[in-house]
Amino acid sequence: MKPHFVSLLAASLVLAGCTSSAPPSGQVLARVNDREITLHQLNQRMAQGNGLAQAAALEQLVRRELAVEQALSMQLERQPEVMLKLEEARRDALAAAWASHVSGSPALTEDGAAARFYAAHPGLFAERRLYRLLTISLPADEALAEALQTRLKPGQGLSEIRHWLKENGTRHSEKEIVRLAEQLPIEVADRLWQLPAGQAMAFRSPEALNLYLVRSADSLPLSWAEAEANIRKHLAEQAQAAQLEKAMQALRSKARIEYASAS
C-alpha cells in the first residue's frame, strides 16, 4: 500500500472514530455507498501540494472510502497499533490547530523592515549567485572548528586541508553540490558571495561543521522589485514563528514537565 494512501486511510479512520456525522457540507462530487465525497474534501486534498490532477485526487478519495468501509467492518480500528495511530493523528491535528490559532494571520511587513532586510543580505539579493561547491562535513566540535578556521587562509589549498584532516584522523564526508544562494543557510550566503573561486569558509551548525569550497559562482542578482514580495512573506513568517515560540515558552513555564532518567 502506498504511503500517501496509508495517510489518507489513517485520516479517515480518525474522522470515523471521532464522529458519525456527515462530511463538511459542499458540492457532492461522488458517493461511495452511503458516504459522500465533497468539493471541500477534494480542495483540502489538492491543497496538500502533492501534484495530483483533480481527477486523480478524487479517485484517491474514492479508494480511501472503500478501504475505510472495509477497515471499519472488520473492526480494525480496535487493534492496539491502529488505536495508537488514530490517537497520535488526533493529537497532531489538535496541536497544529492550536499553533495556527496562536500564530494568527501574517501581519503586514512595514516598508522599512523589508528594505533593511534586502540591504543587509546582499548575498541573497544584489550579489546573489549560483554556486558550485565542494562541501566537507565534519563532527560539530568547537575545538575542531577553531583549529580548522586557523587553516582557512588565502591560498590554503584543498589538498592541505584534506591532509590535515587525515593526519588528525578526523572522520568526514565530501560532496559536490550546486546551489542557489537562497538554498544555503542564510549565514553561509551572507559570507560566500565575497569568496573567489578556490577559497573556502567554515560554518558550524548544531548538527555538523561544514566546510564550503567555491568551485565557481555565476552572478544571478535579484532587484528590490523582484525580491520584495518574498522578503515580506519571509518576515511575516518569521514574526508568526516568533509569536508561536513565545506562546510555547509561556506554556512550558507553567507546566510540570518531567523526563525519565536514562537507565
Protein backbone atom coordinates (compact mmCIF):
# COMPACT_ATOMS: atom_id res chain seq x y z
CA MET A 1 0.00 0.00 0.00
CA LYS A 2 1.46 3.39 -0.99
CA PRO A 3 2.44 5.81 1.85
CA HIS A 4 0.09 8.61 0.75
CA PHE A 5 -2.80 6.14 0.63
CA VAL A 6 -1.97 4.91 4.14
CA SER A 7 -2.05 8.54 5.35
CA LEU A 8 -5.43 9.09 3.75
CA LEU A 9 -6.76 5.90 5.31
CA ALA A 10 -5.50 6.89 8.76
CA ALA A 11 -7.09 10.32 8.45
CA SER A 12 -10.42 8.78 7.50
CA LEU A 13 -10.30 6.39 10.44
CA VAL A 14 -9.66 9.34 12.77
CA LEU A 15 -12.80 11.02 11.49
CA ALA A 16 -14.76 7.81 11.66
CA GLY A 17 -13.59 7.18 15.20
CA CYS A 18 -14.44 10.71 16.37
CA THR A 19 -17.86 11.24 14.87
CA SER A 20 -20.54 9.56 12.80
CA SER A 21 -21.82 12.84 11.33
CA ALA A 22 -21.71 13.65 7.61
CA PRO A 23 -18.64 15.24 5.98
CA PRO A 24 -18.44 19.03 5.72
CA SER A 25 -21.16 20.48 3.56
CA GLY A 26 -20.40 21.32 -0.04
CA GLN A 27 -20.95 20.20 -3.56
CA VAL A 28 -21.08 16.39 -3.71
CA LEU A 29 -18.59 15.05 -6.24
CA ALA A 30 -19.04 11.33 -5.63
CA ARG A 31 -20.80 8.81 -3.41
CA VAL A 32 -19.28 5.62 -2.10
CA ASN A 33 -22.24 3.57 -0.90
CA ASP A 34 -23.76 5.90 1.75
CA ARG A 35 -20.75 8.16 2.10
CA GLU A 36 -20.40 11.44 0.20
CA ILE A 37 -17.16 12.94 -1.10
CA THR A 38 -17.49 16.72 -1.31
CA LEU A 39 -15.73 19.53 -3.11
CA HIS A 40 -14.48 20.70 0.27
CA GLN A 41 -12.67 17.40 0.79
CA LEU A 42 -11.18 17.49 -2.69
CA ASN A 43 -9.96 21.07 -2.24
CA GLN A 44 -8.34 20.12 1.04
CA ARG A 45 -6.62 17.19 -0.63
CA MET A 46 -5.41 19.35 -3.53
CA ALA A 47 -4.08 21.96 -1.08
CA GLN A 48 -1.60 19.40 0.25
CA GLY A 49 0.51 20.11 -2.85
CA ASN A 50 1.07 16.54 -3.97
CA GLY A 51 0.87 17.47 -7.66
CA LEU A 52 -2.18 15.30 -8.40
CA ALA A 53 -4.69 16.32 -11.03
CA GLN A 54 -8.26 16.76 -9.74
CA ALA A 55 -9.48 13.51 -11.30
CA ALA A 56 -6.60 11.56 -9.75
CA ALA A 57 -7.14 13.18 -6.34
CA LEU A 58 -10.85 12.36 -6.46
CA GLU A 59 -10.11 8.75 -7.39
CA GLN A 60 -7.73 8.58 -4.43
CA LEU A 61 -10.52 9.75 -2.10
CA VAL A 62 -12.87 7.11 -3.55
CA ARG A 63 -10.30 4.38 -2.94
CA ARG A 64 -9.81 5.68 0.58
CA GLU A 65 -13.52 5.43 1.35
CA LEU A 66 -13.69 1.87 0.03
CA ALA A 67 -10.75 0.89 2.23
CA VAL A 68 -12.16 2.70 5.29
CA GLU A 69 -15.52 0.92 4.94
CA GLN A 70 -13.77 -2.43 4.96
CA ALA A 71 -11.48 -1.48 7.85
CA LEU A 72 -14.47 -0.45 9.98
CA SER A 73 -16.47 -3.52 9.04
CA MET A 74 -13.52 -5.64 10.20
CA GLN A 75 -13.23 -3.52 13.38
CA LEU A 76 -9.60 -2.82 12.60
CA GLU A 77 -9.87 0.49 14.49
CA ARG A 78 -9.86 -1.58 17.69
CA GLN A 79 -6.43 -3.03 17.09
CA PRO A 80 -3.91 -1.55 19.57
CA GLU A 81 -1.49 -0.29 16.91
CA VAL A 82 -4.33 1.30 14.94
CA MET A 83 -5.76 2.90 18.08
CA LEU A 84 -2.34 4.38 18.82
CA LYS A 85 -2.02 5.80 15.29
CA LEU A 86 -5.52 7.28 15.49
CA GLU A 87 -4.77 8.95 18.80
CA GLU A 88 -1.42 10.26 17.53
CA ALA A 89 -3.08 11.69 14.40
CA ARG A 90 -5.80 13.30 16.54
CA ARG A 91 -3.25 14.92 18.87
CA ASP A 92 -1.13 16.13 15.93
CA ALA A 93 -4.22 17.74 14.41
CA LEU A 94 -5.12 19.44 17.70
CA ALA A 95 -1.56 20.70 18.22
CA ALA A 96 -1.46 22.06 14.66
CA ALA A 97 -4.83 23.78 15.19
CA TRP A 98 -3.53 25.45 18.36
CA ALA A 99 -0.34 26.58 16.59
CA SER A 100 -2.36 28.05 13.73
CA HIS A 101 -4.66 29.84 16.20
CA VAL A 102 -1.79 31.29 18.24
CA SER A 103 0.37 32.41 15.31
CA GLY A 104 -2.62 34.04 13.62
CA SER A 105 -2.70 35.59 10.17
CA PRO A 106 0.55 37.00 8.76
CA ALA A 107 0.98 40.64 9.74
CA LEU A 108 1.81 43.25 7.12
CA THR A 109 5.55 43.93 6.99
CA GLU A 110 6.37 47.62 7.15
CA ASP A 111 8.32 49.01 4.19
CA GLY A 112 11.41 49.94 6.18
CA ALA A 113 11.90 46.44 7.60
CA ALA A 114 11.69 44.81 4.17
CA ALA A 115 14.12 47.32 2.64
CA ARG A 116 16.57 46.87 5.52
CA PHE A 117 16.48 43.09 5.08
CA TYR A 118 17.26 43.49 1.37
CA ALA A 119 20.22 45.77 2.10
CA ALA A 120 21.54 43.59 4.95
CA HIS A 121 21.75 40.43 2.82
CA PRO A 122 23.45 41.21 -0.49
CA GLY A 123 24.41 37.56 -0.86
CA LEU A 124 20.73 36.70 -1.24
CA PHE A 125 19.77 39.59 -3.50
CA ALA A 126 22.06 42.19 -5.11
CA GLU A 127 25.04 39.77 -5.08
CA ARG A 128 23.06 36.55 -5.46
CA ARG A 129 24.92 33.68 -7.14
CA LEU A 130 24.54 30.13 -8.38
CA TYR A 131 27.30 28.19 -6.63
CA ARG A 132 29.15 25.03 -7.50
CA LEU A 133 30.58 23.89 -4.20
CA LEU A 134 32.57 21.15 -2.60
CA THR A 135 31.22 20.56 0.89
CA ILE A 136 33.12 18.74 3.62
CA SER A 137 31.04 17.73 6.65
CA LEU A 138 32.70 17.06 9.99
CA PRO A 139 31.51 16.47 13.58
CA ALA A 140 30.15 19.60 15.31
CA ASP A 141 33.09 20.14 17.65
CA GLU A 142 34.11 23.58 18.93
CA ALA A 143 37.84 22.80 19.19
CA LEU A 144 37.84 21.30 15.69
CA ALA A 145 36.02 24.36 14.32
CA GLU A 146 38.62 26.71 15.81
CA ALA A 147 41.51 24.61 14.52
CA LEU A 148 40.00 24.45 11.06
CA GLN A 149 39.33 28.18 10.99
CA THR A 150 43.02 28.93 11.52
CA ARG A 151 43.83 26.91 8.40
CA LEU A 152 41.36 28.68 6.13
CA LYS A 153 43.80 31.31 4.97
CA PRO A 154 44.05 32.81 1.47
CA GLY A 155 45.99 30.44 -0.72
CA GLN A 156 45.27 27.43 1.51
CA GLY A 157 44.56 24.59 -0.89
CA LEU A 158 42.06 21.78 -0.54
CA SER A 159 44.81 19.17 -0.57
CA GLU A 160 46.39 20.75 2.54
CA ILE A 161 43.06 20.68 4.39
CA ARG A 162 42.46 17.06 3.40
CA HIS A 163 45.96 16.16 4.55
CA TRP A 164 45.35 17.87 7.90
CA LEU A 165 42.06 16.02 8.39
CA LYS A 166 43.67 12.68 7.55
CA GLU A 167 46.64 13.41 9.79
CA ASN A 168 44.30 14.09 12.71
CA GLY A 169 42.12 11.06 11.97
CA THR A 170 39.05 13.29 11.63
CA ARG A 171 36.12 11.45 10.07
CA HIS A 172 34.42 13.46 7.38
CA SER A 173 32.39 13.21 4.18
CA GLU A 174 32.67 15.13 0.91
CA LYS A 175 30.04 16.06 -1.65
CA GLU A 176 29.88 18.20 -4.77
CA ILE A 177 26.70 20.32 -4.90
CA VAL A 178 25.09 23.08 -7.00
CA ARG A 179 23.00 25.57 -5.02
CA LEU A 180 21.40 28.97 -5.40
CA ALA A 181 22.21 31.35 -2.55
CA GLU A 182 18.72 31.01 -1.04
CA GLN A 183 19.15 27.22 -0.85
CA LEU A 184 22.01 27.64 1.61
CA PRO A 185 21.85 28.71 5.28
CA ILE A 186 21.46 32.49 5.34
CA GLU A 187 24.67 32.83 7.36
CA VAL A 188 26.54 30.99 4.61
CA ALA A 189 25.01 33.04 1.77
CA ASP A 190 25.93 36.26 3.60
CA ARG A 191 29.63 35.31 3.50
CA LEU A 192 30.02 33.09 0.48
CA TRP A 193 29.44 35.77 -2.16
CA GLN A 194 32.63 37.53 -1.04
CA LEU A 195 34.84 34.48 -1.69
CA PRO A 196 36.60 33.99 -5.03
CA ALA A 197 36.72 30.57 -6.67
CA GLY A 198 39.12 28.27 -4.86
CA GLN A 199 38.53 29.81 -1.44
CA ALA A 200 36.68 28.12 1.43
CA MET A 201 34.74 29.01 4.58
CA ALA A 202 33.55 27.04 7.61
CA PHE A 203 30.06 27.11 9.10
CA ARG A 204 29.10 25.37 12.32
CA SER A 205 25.50 24.26 12.86
CA PRO A 206 24.17 22.25 15.83
CA GLU A 207 24.38 19.09 13.72
CA ALA A 208 27.72 19.42 11.94
CA LEU A 209 30.71 21.53 10.99
CA ASN A 210 30.58 22.24 7.26
CA LEU A 211 33.35 23.46 5.02
CA TYR A 212 32.28 25.13 1.76
CA LEU A 213 34.84 25.42 -1.02
CA VAL A 214 33.80 27.56 -4.01
CA ARG A 215 34.39 25.80 -7.32
CA SER A 216 32.63 28.52 -9.32
CA ALA A 217 29.89 31.13 -8.89
CA ASP A 218 27.61 32.63 -11.55
CA SER A 219 26.06 36.02 -10.83
CA LEU A 220 22.22 35.98 -10.69
CA PRO A 221 21.22 39.18 -8.87
CA LEU A 222 17.68 39.95 -7.71
CA SER A 223 16.48 43.54 -7.77
CA TRP A 224 14.39 45.03 -4.97
CA ALA A 225 11.31 44.82 -7.19
CA GLU A 226 11.93 41.11 -7.83
CA ALA A 227 12.65 40.29 -4.18
CA GLU A 228 10.18 42.49 -2.29
CA ALA A 229 7.20 40.11 -2.18
CA ASN A 230 9.28 37.15 -0.98
CA ILE A 231 11.02 39.30 1.64
CA ARG A 232 7.70 40.46 3.04
CA LYS A 233 6.45 36.86 3.15
CA HIS A 234 9.64 35.70 4.88
CA LEU A 235 9.48 38.41 7.53
CA ALA A 236 5.78 37.75 8.17
CA GLU A 237 6.51 34.03 8.64
CA GLN A 238 9.38 34.90 10.98
CA ALA A 239 7.04 37.03 13.07
CA GLN A 240 4.48 34.21 13.22
CA ALA A 241 7.16 31.72 14.28
CA ALA A 242 8.39 34.08 16.99
CA GLN A 243 4.84 34.57 18.28
CA LEU A 244 4.29 30.81 18.38
CA GLU A 245 7.59 30.20 20.17
CA LYS A 246 6.73 32.86 22.77
CA ALA A 247 3.39 31.18 23.43
CA MET A 248 5.05 27.77 23.71
CA GLN A 249 7.65 29.04 26.18
CA ALA A 250 4.83 30.55 28.27
CA LEU A 251 3.12 27.15 28.37
CA ARG A 252 6.36 25.40 29.32
CA SER A 253 6.97 27.85 32.17
CA LYS A 254 3.61 26.94 33.73
CA ALA A 255 3.66 23.20 33.04
CA ARG A 256 5.20 20.43 35.10
CA ILE A 257 7.45 18.53 32.68
CA GLU A 258 9.42 15.51 33.91
CA TYR A 259 11.79 13.42 31.80
CA ALA A 260 12.56 9.87 32.80
CA SER A 261 16.23 9.46 33.64
CA ALA A 262 18.22 7.22 31.34
CA SER A 263 18.76 3.80 32.86
